Amino acid sequence: REHAEDRRAAREQDKMAIYLDPAFAMPHLHLGLVSKRSGDVETARRELEQASVLLEREDASRILLFGGGFSREVLVELCQRELRAVGGAL
């Protein structure tokens, strides 16, 4: 949905994914990124912080399947960089 420039629908899909599996890091990460791009700094900060924590213990197979080809370390680094950009704690 984000690629179709429908950020509202992208955020809703991320929220549904989080509802279905709150421990899955990737929808938290994506919701944080989309929220940042939409100017919702509070949601961006909260979701990026949650994604950062969850990525540390995320199952390696889920990172492989849903991480866009990026390693755990790169995804954690992305979370931390984006968190700094929105004034979040690391």
C-alpha atoms as a PDB file:
ATOM      1  CA  ARG A   1       0.000   0.000   0.000  1.00  0.00           C
ATOM      2  CA  GLU A   2       2.830   2.382   0.709  1.00  0.00           C
ATOM      3  CA  HIS A   3       4.206   1.983  -2.815  1.00  0.00           C
ATOM      4  CA  ALA A   4       0.762   2.993  -4.102  1.00  0.00           C
ATOM      5  CA  GLU A   5       1.171   6.126  -1.939  1.00  0.00           C
ATOM      6  CA  ASP A   6      -1.639   5.032   0.365  1.00  0.00           C
ATOM      7  CA  ARG A   7       0.114   5.516   3.702  1.00  0.00           C
ATOM      8  CA  ARG A   8      -3.133   5.341   5.668  1.00  0.00           C
ATOM      9  CA  ALA A   9      -3.863   1.842   4.335  1.00  0.00           C
ATOM     10  CA  ALA A  10      -0.222   0.829   4.853  1.00  0.00           C
ATOM     11  CA  ARG A  11      -0.455   1.886   8.502  1.00  0.00           C
ATOM     12  CA  GLU A  12      -3.729  -0.004   8.932  1.00  0.00           C
ATOM     13  CA  GLN A  13      -2.208  -3.160   7.471  1.00  0.00           C
ATOM     14  CA  ASP A  14       0.782  -2.835   9.811  1.00  0.00           C
ATOM     15  CA  LYS A  15      -1.573  -2.423  12.781  1.00  0.00           C
ATOM     16  CA  MET A  16      -3.488  -5.555  11.747  1.00  0.00           C
ATOM     17  CA  ALA A  17      -0.235  -7.515  11.461  1.00  0.00           C
ATOM     18  CA  ILE A  18       0.792  -6.295  14.923  1.00  0.00           C
ATOM     19  CA  TYR A  19      -2.603  -7.289  16.320  1.00  0.00           C
ATOM     20  CA  LEU A  20      -2.229 -10.778  14.850  1.00  0.00           C
ATOM     21  CA  ASP A  21       1.369 -11.228  16.050  1.00  0.00           C
ATOM     22  CA  PRO A  22       2.563  -8.533  18.491  1.00  0.00           C
ATOM     23  CA  ALA A  23       5.998 -10.170  18.835  1.00  0.00           C
ATOM     24  CA  PHE A  24       6.793  -9.926  15.093  1.00  0.00           C
ATOM     25  CA  ALA A  25       9.309  -7.112  14.652  1.00  0.00           C
ATOM     26  CA  MET A  26       8.804  -6.295  10.965  1.00  0.00           C
ATOM     27  CA  PRO A  27       5.346  -4.673  11.117  1.00  0.00           C
ATOM     28  CA  HIS A  28       6.533  -2.535  14.048  1.00  0.00           C
ATOM     29  CA  LEU A  29       9.520  -1.433  11.988  1.00  0.00           C
ATOM     30  CA  HIS A  30       7.426  -0.649   8.936  1.00  0.00           C
ATOM     31  CA  LEU A  31       4.763   1.183  10.950  1.00  0.00           C
ATOM     32  CA  GLY A  32       7.509   3.242  12.552  1.00  0.00           C
ATOM     33  CA  LEU A  33       8.984   4.173   9.187  1.00  0.00           C
ATOM     34  CA  VAL A  34       5.631   5.001   7.587  1.00  0.00           C
ATOM     35  CA  SER A  35       4.602   7.010  10.640  1.00  0.00           C
ATOM     36  CA  LYS A  36       7.831   9.003  10.483  1.00  0.00           C
ATOM     37  CA  ARG A  37       7.243   9.787   6.809  1.00  0.00           C
ATOM     38  CA  SER A  38       3.681  10.848   7.682  1.00  0.00           C
ATOM     39  CA  GLY A  39       4.864  13.193  10.434  1.00  0.00           C
ATOM     40  CA  ASP A  40       3.478  11.089  13.314  1.00  0.00           C
ATOM     41  CA  VAL A  41       6.621  11.276  15.442  1.00  0.00           C
ATOM     42  CA  GLU A  42       5.047   9.781  18.573  1.00  0.00           C
ATOM     43  CA  THR A  43       3.934   6.601  16.791  1.00  0.00           C
ATOM     44  CA  ALA A  44       7.225   6.448  14.883  1.00  0.00           C
ATOM     45  CA  ARG A  45       9.210   6.636  18.111  1.00  0.00           C
ATOM     46  CA  ARG A  46       7.079   4.026  19.903  1.00  0.00           C
ATOM     47  CA  GLU A  47       7.093   1.534  17.027  1.00  0.00           C
ATOM     48  CA  LEU A  48      10.784   1.917  16.214  1.00  0.00           C
ATOM     49  CA  GLU A  49      11.673   1.384  19.877  1.00  0.00           C
ATOM     50  CA  GLN A  50       9.498  -1.745  19.937  1.00  0.00           C
ATOM     51  CA  ALA A  51      10.975  -3.014  16.664  1.00  0.00           C
ATOM     52  CA  SER A  52      14.498  -2.516  17.985  1.00  0.00           C
ATOM     53  CA  VAL A  53      13.754  -4.647  21.051  1.00  0.00           C
ATOM     54  CA  LEU A  54      11.915  -7.320  19.082  1.00  0.00           C
ATOM     55  CA  LEU A  55      14.573  -7.591  16.377  1.00  0.00           C
ATOM     56  CA  GLU A  56      17.125  -8.683  18.968  1.00  0.00           C
ATOM     57  CA  ARG A  57      15.110 -11.842  19.671  1.00  0.00           C
ATOM     58  CA  GLU A  58      13.323 -12.290  16.337  1.00  0.00           C
ATOM     59  CA  ASP A  59      13.517 -15.752  14.841  1.00  0.00           C
ATOM     60  CA  ALA A  60      16.250 -15.856  12.191  1.00  0.00           C
ATOM     61  CA  SER A  61      13.947 -17.534   9.669  1.00  0.00           C
ATOM     62  CA  ARG A  62      11.431 -14.684   9.906  1.00  0.00           C
ATOM     63  CA  ILE A  63      14.172 -12.135   9.325  1.00  0.00           C
ATOM     64  CA  LEU A  64      15.298 -14.145   6.311  1.00  0.00           C
ATOM     65  CA  LEU A  65      11.747 -14.355   4.929  1.00  0.00           C
ATOM     66  CA  PHE A  66      10.509 -10.847   5.726  1.00  0.00           C
ATOM     67  CA  GLY A  67      13.630  -8.724   6.210  1.00  0.00           C
ATOM     68  CA  GLY A  68      13.989  -7.690   2.586  1.00  0.00           C
ATOM     69  CA  GLY A  69      17.362  -9.401   2.310  1.00  0.00           C
ATOM     70  CA  PHE A  70      18.814  -7.423   5.213  1.00  0.00           C
ATOM     71  CA  SER A  71      20.513  -9.009   8.212  1.00  0.00           C
ATOM     72  CA  ARG A  72      19.363  -8.600  11.793  1.00  0.00           C
ATOM     73  CA  GLU A  73      22.284  -6.257  12.432  1.00  0.00           C
ATOM     74  CA  VAL A  74      21.400  -3.984   9.517  1.00  0.00           C
ATOM     75  CA  LEU A  75      17.733  -3.859  10.559  1.00  0.00           C
ATOM     76  CA  VAL A  76      18.680  -3.005  14.148  1.00  0.00           C
ATOM     77  CA  GLU A  77      21.023  -0.304  12.854  1.00  0.00           C
ATOM     78  CA  LEU A  78      18.201   1.081  10.685  1.00  0.00           C
ATOM     79  CA  CYS A  79      15.886   1.190  13.716  1.00  0.00           C
ATOM     80  CA  GLN A  80      18.487   2.989  15.793  1.00  0.00           C
ATOM     81  CA  ARG A  81      19.260   5.523  13.073  1.00  0.00           C
ATOM     82  CA  GLU A  82      15.576   6.271  12.487  1.00  0.00           C
ATOM     83  CA  LEU A  83      14.962   6.459  16.231  1.00  0.00           C
ATOM     84  CA  ARG A  84      17.693   9.075  16.603  1.00  0.00           C
ATOM     85  CA  ALA A  85      16.035  11.035  13.793  1.00  0.00           C
ATOM     86  CA  VAL A  86      12.766  11.219  15.763  1.00  0.00           C
ATOM     87  CA  GLY A  87      14.423  11.862  19.127  1.00  0.00           C
ATOM     88  CA  GLY A  88      13.882   8.401  20.543  1.00  0.00           C
ATOM     89  CA  ALA A  89      15.926   6.631  23.203  1.00  0.00           C
ATOM     90  CA  LEU A  90      18.229   3.797  22.184  1.00  0.00           C
END
